[in-house]
Amino acid sequence: MSRIIRTDANAILSKAVEYHGFVYLQGMVATNLDADITGQTKDVLAQIDAALEQHGTDKSRLLQAHIWVKDIRDRDAMNAVWTAWLEPGQAPARACIEANMANPRCLVEIMINACK
């Protein structure tokens, strides 16, 4: 039976789950919710980099991304940070939608699937 690795698991979720060379990250939000959409997006992407590194992979191996923004009018500003962060030619399949956030100060949440 293949091993499932769960990182920072609690009663309702794991920060990451690794299985058969795939890494599934939780939806990540900024640690500094006082920042604007640019700052929050940079914060989230830095967390994603760290989580992927912890599982022996990186952003060049992204497969899929789900992005939620509190206000769809912030999409262009978020995309500016997102595209600067991506490896050239390595964009994942992606969805980006407007959503009510659990914390109203949260402007963006990103969930990533990657491979090793």
PDB file of N, CA and C in Angstrom:
ATOM      1  N   MET A   1       0.842  -1.172   0.000  1.00  0.00           N
ATOM      2  CA  MET A   1       0.000   0.000   0.000  1.00  0.00           C
ATOM      3  C   MET A   1       0.893   1.244   0.000  1.00  0.00           C
ATOM      4  N   SER A   2       0.567   2.217  -0.810  1.00  0.00           N
ATOM      5  CA  SER A   2       1.350   3.437  -0.907  1.00  0.00           C
ATOM      6  C   SER A   2       1.145   4.315   0.318  1.00  0.00           C
ATOM      7  N   ARG A   3       2.189   4.985   0.688  1.00  0.00           N
ATOM      8  CA  ARG A   3       2.186   5.843   1.865  1.00  0.00           C
ATOM      9  C   ARG A   3       1.580   7.202   1.533  1.00  0.00           C
ATOM     10  N   ILE A   4       0.731   7.706   2.410  1.00  0.00           N
ATOM     11  CA  ILE A   4       0.183   9.058   2.315  1.00  0.00           C
ATOM     12  C   ILE A   4       0.864   9.886   3.395  1.00  0.00           C
ATOM     13  N   ILE A   5       1.457  11.016   2.994  1.00  0.00           N
ATOM     14  CA  ILE A   5       2.133  11.906   3.941  1.00  0.00           C
ATOM     15  C   ILE A   5       1.255  13.136   4.134  1.00  0.00           C
ATOM     16  N   ARG A   6       0.875  13.388   5.369  1.00  0.00           N
ATOM     17  CA  ARG A   6       0.058  14.551   5.714  1.00  0.00           C
ATOM     18  C   ARG A   6       0.903  15.507   6.541  1.00  0.00           C
ATOM     19  N   THR A   7       0.968  16.758   6.119  1.00  0.00           N
ATOM     20  CA  THR A   7       1.763  17.766   6.796  1.00  0.00           C
ATOM     21  C   THR A   7       0.860  18.690   7.596  1.00  0.00           C
ATOM     22  N   ASP A   8       1.212  18.910   8.856  1.00  0.00           N
ATOM     23  CA  ASP A   8       0.479  19.821   9.744  1.00  0.00           C
ATOM     24  C   ASP A   8      -1.021  19.534   9.741  1.00  0.00           C
ATOM     25  N   ALA A   9      -1.370  18.278   9.935  1.00  0.00           N
ATOM     26  CA  ALA A   9      -2.780  17.877   9.956  1.00  0.00           C
ATOM     27  C   ALA A   9      -3.429  18.272  11.280  1.00  0.00           C
ATOM     28  N   ASN A  10      -4.700  18.650  11.197  1.00  0.00           N
ATOM     29  CA  ASN A  10      -5.500  18.872  12.398  1.00  0.00           C
ATOM     30  C   ASN A  10      -6.840  18.177  12.206  1.00  0.00           C
ATOM     31  N   ALA A  11      -7.826  18.523  12.986  1.00  0.00           N
ATOM     32  CA  ALA A  11      -9.113  17.820  12.947  1.00  0.00           C
ATOM     33  C   ALA A  11      -9.860  18.005  11.625  1.00  0.00           C
ATOM     34  N   ILE A  12      -9.604  19.114  10.899  1.00  0.00           N
ATOM     35  CA  ILE A  12     -10.396  19.370   9.690  1.00  0.00           C
ATOM     36  C   ILE A  12      -9.606  19.405   8.390  1.00  0.00           C
ATOM     37  N   LEU A  13      -8.276  19.553   8.459  1.00  0.00           N
ATOM     38  CA  LEU A  13      -7.508  19.622   7.217  1.00  0.00           C
ATOM     39  C   LEU A  13      -6.039  19.389   7.472  1.00  0.00           C
ATOM     40  N   SER A  14      -5.323  19.176   6.387  1.00  0.00           N
ATOM     41  CA  SER A  14      -3.860  19.101   6.403  1.00  0.00           C
ATOM     42  C   SER A  14      -3.333  20.255   5.559  1.00  0.00           C
ATOM     43  N   LYS A  15      -2.199  20.805   5.943  1.00  0.00           N
ATOM     44  CA  LYS A  15      -1.588  21.867   5.144  1.00  0.00           C
ATOM     45  C   LYS A  15      -1.216  21.346   3.765  1.00  0.00           C
ATOM     46  N   ALA A  16      -0.763  20.096   3.727  1.00  0.00           N
ATOM     47  CA  ALA A  16      -0.413  19.452   2.467  1.00  0.00           C
ATOM     48  C   ALA A  16      -0.606  17.952   2.613  1.00  0.00           C
ATOM     49  N   VAL A  17      -0.908  17.310   1.489  1.00  0.00           N
ATOM     50  CA  VAL A  17      -1.000  15.857   1.434  1.00  0.00           C
ATOM     51  C   VAL A  17      -0.192  15.406   0.222  1.00  0.00           C
ATOM     52  N   GLU A  18       0.695  14.460   0.456  1.00  0.00           N
ATOM     53  CA  GLU A  18       1.514  13.915  -0.629  1.00  0.00           C
ATOM     54  C   GLU A  18       1.168  12.452  -0.836  1.00  0.00           C
ATOM     55  N   TYR A  19       0.963  12.083  -2.106  1.00  0.00           N
ATOM     56  CA  TYR A  19       0.618  10.714  -2.433  1.00  0.00           C
ATOM     57  C   TYR A  19       1.072  10.395  -3.853  1.00  0.00           C
ATOM     58  N   HIS A  20       1.813   9.323  -4.028  1.00  0.00           N
ATOM     59  CA  HIS A  20       2.260   8.860  -5.350  1.00  0.00           C
ATOM     60  C   HIS A  20       2.927   9.966  -6.174  1.00  0.00           C
ATOM     61  N   GLY A  21       3.729  10.801  -5.528  1.00  0.00           N
ATOM     62  CA  GLY A  21       4.444  11.844  -6.252  1.00  0.00           C
ATOM     63  C   GLY A  21       3.634  13.091  -6.545  1.00  0.00           C
ATOM     64  N   PHE A  22       2.422  13.172  -6.008  1.00  0.00           N
ATOM     65  CA  PHE A  22       1.601  14.373  -6.156  1.00  0.00           C
ATOM     66  C   PHE A  22       1.493  15.069  -4.811  1.00  0.00           C
ATOM     67  N   VAL A  23       1.464  16.387  -4.844  1.00  0.00           N
ATOM     68  CA  VAL A  23       1.354  17.189  -3.632  1.00  0.00           C
ATOM     69  C   VAL A  23       0.126  18.084  -3.770  1.00  0.00           C
ATOM     70  N   TYR A  24      -0.765  17.969  -2.794  1.00  0.00           N
ATOM     71  CA  TYR A  24      -2.007  18.739  -2.765  1.00  0.00           C
ATOM     72  C   TYR A  24      -1.921  19.708  -1.588  1.00  0.00           C
ATOM     73  N   LEU A  25      -1.958  21.001  -1.872  1.00  0.00           N
ATOM     74  CA  LEU A  25      -1.879  21.996  -0.807  1.00  0.00           C
ATOM     75  C   LEU A  25      -3.266  22.481  -0.420  1.00  0.00           C
ATOM     76  N   GLN A  26      -3.407  22.829   0.842  1.00  0.00           N
ATOM     77  CA  GLN A  26      -4.642  23.451   1.311  1.00  0.00           C
ATOM     78  C   GLN A  26      -4.802  24.825   0.661  1.00  0.00           C
ATOM     79  N   GLY A  27      -5.978  25.386   0.736  1.00  0.00           N
ATOM     80  CA  GLY A  27      -6.141  26.778   0.347  1.00  0.00           C
ATOM     81  C   GLY A  27      -5.367  27.641   1.329  1.00  0.00           C
ATOM     82  N   MET A  28      -4.467  28.466   0.812  1.00  0.00           N
ATOM     83  CA  MET A  28      -3.617  29.290   1.680  1.00  0.00           C
ATOM     84  C   MET A  28      -4.025  30.751   1.585  1.00  0.00           C
ATOM     85  N   VAL A  29      -4.034  31.392   2.736  1.00  0.00           N
ATOM     86  CA  VAL A  29      -4.345  32.820   2.828  1.00  0.00           C
ATOM     87  C   VAL A  29      -3.158  33.533   3.458  1.00  0.00           C
ATOM     88  N   ALA A  30      -3.138  34.833   3.312  1.00  0.00           N
ATOM     89  CA  ALA A  30      -2.029  35.637   3.825  1.00  0.00           C
ATOM     90  C   ALA A  30      -1.949  35.586   5.345  1.00  0.00           C
ATOM     91  N   THR A  31      -0.736  35.673   5.850  1.00  0.00           N
ATOM     92  CA  THR A  31      -0.547  35.789   7.297  1.00  0.00           C
ATOM     93  C   THR A  31      -0.761  37.225   7.752  1.00  0.00           C
ATOM     94  N   ASN A  32      -0.553  38.197   6.841  1.00  0.00           N
ATOM     95  CA  ASN A  32      -0.783  39.614   7.137  1.00  0.00           C
ATOM     96  C   ASN A  32      -2.041  40.071   6.397  1.00  0.00           C
ATOM     97  N   LEU A  33      -3.160  40.044   7.092  1.00  0.00           N
ATOM     98  CA  LEU A  33      -4.427  40.419   6.461  1.00  0.00           C
ATOM     99  C   LEU A  33      -4.633  41.921   6.392  1.00  0.00           C
ATOM    100  N   ASP A  34      -3.660  42.705   6.861  1.00  0.00           N
ATOM    101  CA  ASP A  34      -3.725  44.161   6.715  1.00  0.00           C
ATOM    102  C   ASP A  34      -3.159  44.614   5.372  1.00  0.00           C
ATOM    103  N   ALA A  35      -2.475  43.716   4.665  1.00  0.00           N
ATOM    104  CA  ALA A  35      -1.875  44.050   3.368  1.00  0.00           C
ATOM    105  C   ALA A  35      -2.954  44.162   2.295  1.00  0.00           C
ATOM    106  N   ASP A  36      -2.605  44.861   1.200  1.00  0.00           N
ATOM    107  CA  ASP A  36      -3.510  44.959   0.055  1.00  0.00           C
ATOM    108  C   ASP A  36      -3.433  43.668  -0.758  1.00  0.00           C
ATOM    109  N   ILE A  37      -4.144  43.598  -1.867  1.00  0.00           N
ATOM    110  CA  ILE A  37      -4.181  42.374  -2.675  1.00  0.00           C
ATOM    111  C   ILE A  37      -2.787  41.974  -3.160  1.00  0.00           C
ATOM    112  N   THR A  38      -1.958  42.942  -3.508  1.00  0.00           N
ATOM    113  CA  THR A  38      -0.593  42.639  -3.949  1.00  0.00           C
ATOM    114  C   THR A  38       0.210  42.005  -2.819  1.00  0.00           C
ATOM    115  N   GLY A  39       0.164  42.608  -1.659  1.00  0.00           N
ATOM    116  CA  GLY A  39       0.896  42.084  -0.515  1.00  0.00           C
ATOM    117  C   GLY A  39       0.387  40.731  -0.070  1.00  0.00           C
ATOM    118  N   GLN A  40      -0.933  40.561  -0.050  1.00  0.00           N
ATOM    119  CA  GLN A  40      -1.495  39.272   0.354  1.00  0.00           C
ATOM    120  C   GLN A  40      -1.135  38.179  -0.656  1.00  0.00           C
ATOM    121  N   THR A  41      -1.161  38.499  -1.940  1.00  0.00           N
ATOM    122  CA  THR A  41      -0.811  37.505  -2.952  1.00  0.00           C
ATOM    123  C   THR A  41       0.651  37.094  -2.814  1.00  0.00           C
ATOM    124  N   LYS A  42       1.556  38.058  -2.620  1.00  0.00           N
ATOM    125  CA  LYS A  42       2.972  37.735  -2.422  1.00  0.00           C
ATOM    126  C   LYS A  42       3.160  36.842  -1.199  1.00  0.00           C
ATOM    127  N   ASP A  43       2.451  37.146  -0.120  1.00  0.00           N
ATOM    128  CA  ASP A  43       2.519  36.364   1.116  1.00  0.00           C
ATOM    129  C   ASP A  43       2.081  34.918   0.855  1.00  0.00           C
ATOM    130  N   VAL A  44       0.952  34.747   0.185  1.00  0.00           N
ATOM    131  CA  VAL A  44       0.432  33.412  -0.102  1.00  0.00           C
ATOM    132  C   VAL A  44       1.405  32.634  -0.996  1.00  0.00           C
ATOM    133  N   LEU A  45       1.935  33.271  -2.017  1.00  0.00           N
ATOM    134  CA  LEU A  45       2.852  32.582  -2.929  1.00  0.00           C
ATOM    135  C   LEU A  45       4.143  32.169  -2.217  1.00  0.00           C
ATOM    136  N   ALA A  46       4.606  32.972  -1.278  1.00  0.00           N
ATOM    137  CA  ALA A  46       5.782  32.596  -0.484  1.00  0.00           C
ATOM    138  C   ALA A  46       5.474  31.360   0.370  1.00  0.00           C
ATOM    139  N   GLN A  47       4.275  31.289   0.927  1.00  0.00           N
ATOM    140  CA  GLN A  47       3.875  30.108   1.696  1.00  0.00           C
ATOM    141  C   GLN A  47       3.803  28.870   0.802  1.00  0.00           C
ATOM    142  N   ILE A  48       3.295  29.058  -0.413  1.00  0.00           N
ATOM    143  CA  ILE A  48       3.221  27.944  -1.363  1.00  0.00           C
ATOM    144  C   ILE A  48       4.617  27.454  -1.708  1.00  0.00           C
ATOM    145  N   ASP A  49       5.540  28.386  -1.973  1.00  0.00           N
ATOM    146  CA  ASP A  49       6.929  27.995  -2.249  1.00  0.00           C
ATOM    147  C   ASP A  49       7.487  27.142  -1.115  1.00  0.00           C
ATOM    148  N   ALA A  50       7.273  27.573   0.120  1.00  0.00           N
ATOM    149  CA  ALA A  50       7.799  26.853   1.285  1.00  0.00           C
ATOM    150  C   ALA A  50       7.166  25.470   1.416  1.00  0.00           C
ATOM    151  N   ALA A  51       5.861  25.377   1.212  1.00  0.00           N
ATOM    152  CA  ALA A  51       5.167  24.087   1.334  1.00  0.00           C
ATOM    153  C   ALA A  51       5.615  23.123   0.235  1.00  0.00           C
ATOM    154  N   LEU A  52       5.769  23.627  -0.974  1.00  0.00           N
ATOM    155  CA  LEU A  52       6.246  22.766  -2.062  1.00  0.00           C
ATOM    156  C   LEU A  52       7.667  22.289  -1.792  1.00  0.00           C
ATOM    157  N   GLU A  53       8.526  23.187  -1.326  1.00  0.00           N
ATOM    158  CA  GLU A  53       9.907  22.813  -1.011  1.00  0.00           C
ATOM    159  C   GLU A  53       9.943  21.738   0.074  1.00  0.00           C
ATOM    160  N   GLN A  54       9.081  21.872   1.062  1.00  0.00           N
ATOM    161  CA  GLN A  54       9.021  20.893   2.145  1.00  0.00           C
ATOM    162  C   GLN A  54       8.707  19.496   1.599  1.00  0.00           C
ATOM    163  N   HIS A  55       8.006  19.443   0.472  1.00  0.00           N
ATOM    164  CA  HIS A  55       7.641  18.153  -0.129  1.00  0.00           C
ATOM    165  C   HIS A  55       8.514  17.804  -1.341  1.00  0.00           C
ATOM    166  N   GLY A  56       9.633  18.502  -1.493  1.00  0.00           N
ATOM    167  CA  GLY A  56      10.600  18.131  -2.513  1.00  0.00           C
ATOM    168  C   GLY A  56      10.218  18.511  -3.933  1.00  0.00           C
ATOM    169  N   THR A  57       9.450  19.579  -4.076  1.00  0.00           N
ATOM    170  CA  THR A  57       9.089  20.048  -5.409  1.00  0.00           C
ATOM    171  C   THR A  57       9.090  21.570  -5.423  1.00  0.00           C
ATOM    172  N   ASP A  58       8.658  22.159  -6.531  1.00  0.00           N
ATOM    173  CA  ASP A  58       8.646  23.617  -6.627  1.00  0.00           C
ATOM    174  C   ASP A  58       7.607  24.071  -7.645  1.00  0.00           C
ATOM    175  N   LYS A  59       7.520  25.376  -7.831  1.00  0.00           N
ATOM    176  CA  LYS A  59       6.482  25.954  -8.692  1.00  0.00           C
ATOM    177  C   LYS A  59       6.638  25.603 -10.170  1.00  0.00           C
ATOM    178  N   SER A  60       7.762  25.045 -10.568  1.00  0.00           N
ATOM    179  CA  SER A  60       7.905  24.614 -11.960  1.00  0.00           C
ATOM    180  C   SER A  60       7.122  23.329 -12.224  1.00  0.00           C
ATOM    181  N   ARG A  61       6.585  22.713 -11.171  1.00  0.00           N
ATOM    182  CA  ARG A  61       5.874  21.433 -11.278  1.00  0.00           C
ATOM    183  C   ARG A  61       4.380  21.578 -10.957  1.00  0.00           C
ATOM    184  N   LEU A  62       3.851  22.786 -11.061  1.00  0.00           N
ATOM    185  CA  LEU A  62       2.429  23.018 -10.784  1.00  0.00           C
ATOM    186  C   LEU A  62       1.561  22.329 -11.816  1.00  0.00           C
ATOM    187  N   LEU A  63       0.464  21.754 -11.356  1.00  0.00           N
ATOM    188  CA  LEU A  63      -0.504  21.124 -12.245  1.00  0.00           C
ATOM    189  C   LEU A  63      -1.810  21.919 -12.308  1.00  0.00           C
ATOM    190  N   GLN A  64      -2.278  22.362 -11.145  1.00  0.00           N
ATOM    191  CA  GLN A  64      -3.582  23.013 -11.071  1.00  0.00           C
ATOM    192  C   GLN A  64      -3.580  24.040  -9.951  1.00  0.00           C
ATOM    193  N   ALA A  65      -4.317  25.131 -10.173  1.00  0.00           N
ATOM    194  CA  ALA A  65      -4.474  26.163  -9.151  1.00  0.00           C
ATOM    195  C   ALA A  65      -5.940  26.593  -9.097  1.00  0.00           C
ATOM    196  N   HIS A  66      -6.411  26.776  -7.884  1.00  0.00           N
ATOM    197  CA  HIS A  66      -7.734  27.354  -7.641  1.00  0.00           C
ATOM    198  C   HIS A  66      -7.483  28.646  -6.880  1.00  0.00           C
ATOM    199  N   ILE A  67      -7.995  29.741  -7.397  1.00  0.00           N
ATOM    200  CA  ILE A  67      -7.783  31.037  -6.766  1.00  0.00           C
ATOM    201  C   ILE A  67      -9.131  31.672  -6.490  1.00  0.00           C
ATOM    202  N   TRP A  68      -9.297  32.129  -5.249  1.00  0.00           N
ATOM    203  CA  TRP A  68     -10.491  32.856  -4.859  1.00  0.00           C
ATOM    204  C   TRP A  68     -10.066  34.266  -4.479  1.00  0.00           C
ATOM    205  N   VAL A  69     -10.748  35.264  -5.029  1.00  0.00           N
ATOM    206  CA  VAL A  69     -10.509  36.654  -4.655  1.00  0.00           C
ATOM    207  C   VAL A  69     -11.787  37.215  -4.060  1.00  0.00           C
ATOM    208  N   LYS A  70     -11.623  38.048  -3.056  1.00  0.00           N
ATOM    209  CA  LYS A  70     -12.791  38.647  -2.402  1.00  0.00           C
ATOM    210  C   LYS A  70     -13.531  39.553  -3.376  1.00  0.00           C
ATOM    211  N   ASP A  71     -12.779  40.294  -4.186  1.00  0.00           N
ATOM    212  CA  ASP A  71     -13.361  41.239  -5.138  1.00  0.00           C
ATOM    213  C   ASP A  71     -12.728  40.982  -6.505  1.00  0.00           C
ATOM    214  N   ILE A  72     -13.522  40.580  -7.466  1.00  0.00           N
ATOM    215  CA  ILE A  72     -13.001  40.231  -8.791  1.00  0.00           C
ATOM    216  C   ILE A  72     -12.279  41.409  -9.441  1.00  0.00           C
ATOM    217  N   ARG A  73     -12.570  42.619  -9.000  1.00  0.00           N
ATOM    218  CA  ARG A  73     -11.856  43.789  -9.537  1.00  0.00           C
ATOM    219  C   ARG A  73     -10.384  43.784  -9.132  1.00  0.00           C
ATOM    220  N   ASP A  74     -10.012  42.962  -8.152  1.00  0.00           N
ATOM    221  CA  ASP A  74      -8.607  42.815  -7.733  1.00  0.00           C
ATOM    222  C   ASP A  74      -7.861  41.777  -8.569  1.00  0.00           C
ATOM    223  N   ARG A  75      -8.558  41.145  -9.501  1.00  0.00           N
ATOM    224  CA  ARG A  75      -7.963  40.059 -10.282  1.00  0.00           C
ATOM    225  C   ARG A  75      -6.715  40.511 -11.053  1.00  0.00           C
ATOM    226  N   ASP A  76      -6.755  41.682 -11.678  1.00  0.00           N
ATOM    227  CA  ASP A  76      -5.593  42.144 -12.444  1.00  0.00           C
ATOM    228  C   ASP A  76      -4.373  42.348 -11.559  1.00  0.00           C
ATOM    229  N   ALA A  77      -4.571  42.942 -10.382  1.00  0.00           N
ATOM    230  CA  ALA A  77      -3.451  43.159  -9.459  1.00  0.00           C
ATOM    231  C   ALA A  77      -2.907  41.819  -8.955  1.00  0.00           C
ATOM    232  N   MET A  78      -3.803  40.886  -8.645  1.00  0.00           N
ATOM    233  CA  MET A  78      -3.372  39.556  -8.217  1.00  0.00           C
ATOM    234  C   MET A  78      -2.623  38.863  -9.352  1.00  0.00           C
ATOM    235  N   ASN A  79      -3.151  38.956 -10.588  1.00  0.00           N
ATOM    236  CA  ASN A  79      -2.507  38.315 -11.737  1.00  0.00           C
ATOM    237  C   ASN A  79      -1.116  38.883 -12.008  1.00  0.00           C
ATOM    238  N   ALA A  80      -0.905  40.168 -11.732  1.00  0.00           N
ATOM    239  CA  ALA A  80       0.425  40.762 -11.934  1.00  0.00           C
ATOM    240  C   ALA A  80       1.453  40.060 -11.044  1.00  0.00           C
ATOM    241  N   VAL A  81       1.091  39.802  -9.801  1.00  0.00           N
ATOM    242  CA  VAL A  81       1.987  39.100  -8.877  1.00  0.00           C
ATOM    243  C   VAL A  81       2.109  37.633  -9.290  1.00  0.00           C
ATOM    244  N   TRP A  82       0.992  37.031  -9.619  1.00  0.00           N
ATOM    245  CA  TRP A  82       0.951  35.613 -10.014  1.00  0.00           C
ATOM    246  C   TRP A  82       1.854  35.348 -11.220  1.00  0.00           C
ATOM    247  N   THR A  83       1.714  36.144 -12.278  1.00  0.00           N
ATOM    248  CA  THR A  83       2.496  35.896 -13.493  1.00  0.00           C
ATOM    249  C   THR A  83       3.988  36.163 -13.274  1.00  0.00           C
ATOM    250  N   ALA A  84       4.325  37.122 -12.433  1.00  0.00           N
ATOM    251  CA  ALA A  84       5.740  37.374 -12.115  1.00  0.00           C
ATOM    252  C   ALA A  84       6.330  36.203 -11.324  1.00  0.00           C
ATOM    253  N   TRP A  85       5.516  35.532 -10.539  1.00  0.00           N
ATOM    254  CA  TRP A  85       5.961  34.404  -9.706  1.00  0.00           C
ATOM    255  C   TRP A  85       6.121  33.114 -10.514  1.00  0.00           C
ATOM    256  N   LEU A  86       5.276  32.902 -11.506  1.00  0.00           N
ATOM    257  CA  LEU A  86       5.318  31.663 -12.281  1.00  0.00           C
ATOM    258  C   LEU A  86       6.622  31.502 -13.053  1.00  0.00           C
ATOM    259  N   GLU A  87       7.040  30.248 -13.205  1.00  0.00           N
ATOM    260  CA  GLU A  87       8.149  29.938 -14.101  1.00  0.00           C
ATOM    261  C   GLU A  87       7.650  30.138 -15.536  1.00  0.00           C
ATOM    262  N   PRO A  88       8.428  30.759 -16.417  1.00  0.00           N
ATOM    263  CA  PRO A  88       7.984  30.959 -17.805  1.00  0.00           C
ATOM    264  C   PRO A  88       7.591  29.637 -18.461  1.00  0.00           C
ATOM    265  N   GLY A  89       6.422  29.625 -19.075  1.00  0.00           N
ATOM    266  CA  GLY A  89       5.943  28.448 -19.781  1.00  0.00           C
ATOM    267  C   GLY A  89       5.439  27.328 -18.890  1.00  0.00           C
ATOM    268  N   GLN A  90       5.321  27.568 -17.584  1.00  0.00           N
ATOM    269  CA  GLN A  90       4.933  26.510 -16.649  1.00  0.00           C
ATOM    270  C   GLN A  90       3.609  26.794 -15.944  1.00  0.00           C
ATOM    271  N   ALA A  91       2.722  27.575 -16.556  1.00  0.00           N
ATOM    272  CA  ALA A  91       1.443  27.907 -15.921  1.00  0.00           C
ATOM    273  C   ALA A  91       0.583  26.655 -15.764  1.00  0.00           C
ATOM    274  N   PRO A  92      -0.064  26.498 -14.612  1.00  0.00           N
ATOM    275  CA  PRO A  92      -0.934  25.345 -14.394  1.00  0.00           C
ATOM    276  C   PRO A  92      -2.324  25.586 -14.993  1.00  0.00           C
ATOM    277  N   ALA A  93      -3.130  24.543 -15.053  1.00  0.00           N
ATOM    278  CA  ALA A  93      -4.557  24.732 -15.296  1.00  0.00           C
ATOM    279  C   ALA A  93      -5.075  25.533 -14.103  1.00  0.00           C
ATOM    280  N   ARG A  94      -6.002  26.475 -14.338  1.00  0.00           N
ATOM    281  CA  ARG A  94      -6.336  27.391 -13.255  1.00  0.00           C
ATOM    282  C   ARG A  94      -7.771  27.872 -13.350  1.00  0.00           C
ATOM    283  N   ALA A  95      -8.346  28.138 -12.189  1.00  0.00           N
ATOM    284  CA  ALA A  95      -9.628  28.823 -12.084  1.00  0.00           C
ATOM    285  C   ALA A  95      -9.430  29.995 -11.128  1.00  0.00           C
ATOM    286  N   CYS A  96     -10.127  31.084 -11.386  1.00  0.00           N
ATOM    287  CA  CYS A  96     -10.089  32.242 -10.492  1.00  0.00           C
ATOM    288  C   CYS A  96     -11.513  32.775 -10.387  1.00  0.00           C
ATOM    289  N   ILE A  97     -12.040  32.775  -9.182  1.00  0.00           N
ATOM    290  CA  ILE A  97     -13.410  33.236  -8.993  1.00  0.00           C
ATOM    291  C   ILE A  97     -13.509  34.193  -7.813  1.00  0.00           C
ATOM    292  N   GLU A  98     -14.556  34.999  -7.825  1.00  0.00           N
ATOM    293  CA  GLU A  98     -14.873  35.874  -6.703  1.00  0.00           C
ATOM    294  C   GLU A  98     -15.623  35.058  -5.663  1.00  0.00           C
ATOM    295  N   ALA A  99     -15.293  35.271  -4.385  1.00  0.00           N
ATOM    296  CA  ALA A  99     -15.934  34.496  -3.321  1.00  0.00           C
ATOM    297  C   ALA A  99     -16.020  35.297  -2.034  1.00  0.00           C
ATOM    298  N   ASN A 100     -17.051  35.009  -1.253  1.00  0.00           N
ATOM    299  CA  ASN A 100     -17.109  35.522   0.109  1.00  0.00           C
ATOM    300  C   ASN A 100     -16.090  34.740   0.920  1.00  0.00           C
ATOM    301  N   MET A 101     -15.252  35.438   1.636  1.00  0.00           N
ATOM    302  CA  MET A 101     -14.203  34.785   2.419  1.00  0.00           C
ATOM    303  C   MET A 101     -14.674  34.588   3.856  1.00  0.00           C
ATOM    304  N   ALA A 102     -14.154  33.548   4.507  1.00  0.00           N
ATOM    305  CA  ALA A 102     -14.509  33.285   5.900  1.00  0.00           C
ATOM    306  C   ALA A 102     -14.104  34.459   6.793  1.00  0.00           C
ATOM    307  N   ASN A 103     -12.967  35.073   6.499  1.00  0.00           N
ATOM    308  CA  ASN A 103     -12.525  36.278   7.201  1.00  0.00           C
ATOM    309  C   ASN A 103     -12.626  37.428   6.205  1.00  0.00           C
ATOM    310  N   PRO A 104     -13.417  38.449   6.484  1.00  0.00           N
ATOM    311  CA  PRO A 104     -13.615  39.534   5.515  1.00  0.00           C
ATOM    312  C   PRO A 104     -12.340  40.320   5.180  1.00  0.00           C
ATOM    313  N   ARG A 105     -11.291  40.183   5.977  1.00  0.00           N
ATOM    314  CA  ARG A 105     -10.022  40.866   5.686  1.00  0.00           C
ATOM    315  C   ARG A 105      -9.180  40.091   4.683  1.00  0.00           C
ATOM    316  N   CYS A 106      -9.532  38.853   4.460  1.00  0.00           N
ATOM    317  CA  CYS A 106      -8.809  38.005   3.506  1.00  0.00           C
ATOM    318  C   CYS A 106      -9.224  38.401   2.091  1.00  0.00           C
ATOM    319  N   LEU A 107      -8.238  38.749   1.264  1.00  0.00           N
ATOM    320  CA  LEU A 107      -8.504  39.204  -0.100  1.00  0.00           C
ATOM    321  C   LEU A 107      -8.259  38.142  -1.158  1.00  0.00           C
ATOM    322  N   VAL A 108      -7.461  37.118  -0.831  1.00  0.00           N
ATOM    323  CA  VAL A 108      -7.126  36.070  -1.810  1.00  0.00           C
ATOM    324  C   VAL A 108      -6.822  34.768  -1.071  1.00  0.00           C
ATOM    325  N   GLU A 109      -7.234  33.671  -1.686  1.00  0.00           N
ATOM    326  CA  GLU A 109      -6.893  32.332  -1.202  1.00  0.00           C
ATOM    327  C   GLU A 109      -6.491  31.510  -2.428  1.00  0.00           C
ATOM    328  N   ILE A 110      -5.396  30.773  -2.290  1.00  0.00           N
ATOM    329  CA  ILE A 110      -4.885  29.982  -3.425  1.00  0.00           C
ATOM    330  C   ILE A 110      -4.649  28.553  -2.962  1.00  0.00           C
ATOM    331  N   MET A 111      -5.105  27.605  -3.779  1.00  0.00           N
ATOM    332  CA  MET A 111      -4.934  26.178  -3.526  1.00  0.00           C
ATOM    333  C   MET A 111      -4.222  25.564  -4.727  1.00  0.00           C
ATOM    334  N   ILE A 112      -3.169  24.816  -4.479  1.00  0.00           N
ATOM    335  CA  ILE A 112      -2.293  24.298  -5.534  1.00  0.00           C
ATOM    336  C   ILE A 112      -2.230  22.771  -5.478  1.00  0.00           C
ATOM    337  N   ASN A 113      -2.151  22.167  -6.660  1.00  0.00           N
ATOM    338  CA  ASN A 113      -1.771  20.755  -6.818  1.00  0.00           C
ATOM    339  C   ASN A 113      -0.506  20.754  -7.671  1.00  0.00           C
ATOM    340  N   ALA A 114       0.463  19.931  -7.272  1.00  0.00           N
ATOM    341  CA  ALA A 114       1.733  19.855  -8.003  1.00  0.00           C
ATOM    342  C   ALA A 114       2.208  18.406  -8.016  1.00  0.00           C
ATOM    343  N   CYS A 115       3.222  18.152  -8.806  1.00  0.00           N
ATOM    344  CA  CYS A 115       3.859  16.828  -8.810  1.00  0.00           C
ATOM    345  C   CYS A 115       5.323  16.998  -8.444  1.00  0.00           C
ATOM    346  N   LYS A 116       5.941  15.894  -8.116  1.00  0.00           N
ATOM    347  CA  LYS A 116       7.351  15.934  -7.732  1.00  0.00           C
ATOM    348  C   LYS A 116       8.236  15.750  -8.941  1.00  0.00           C
TER     349      LYS A 116
END
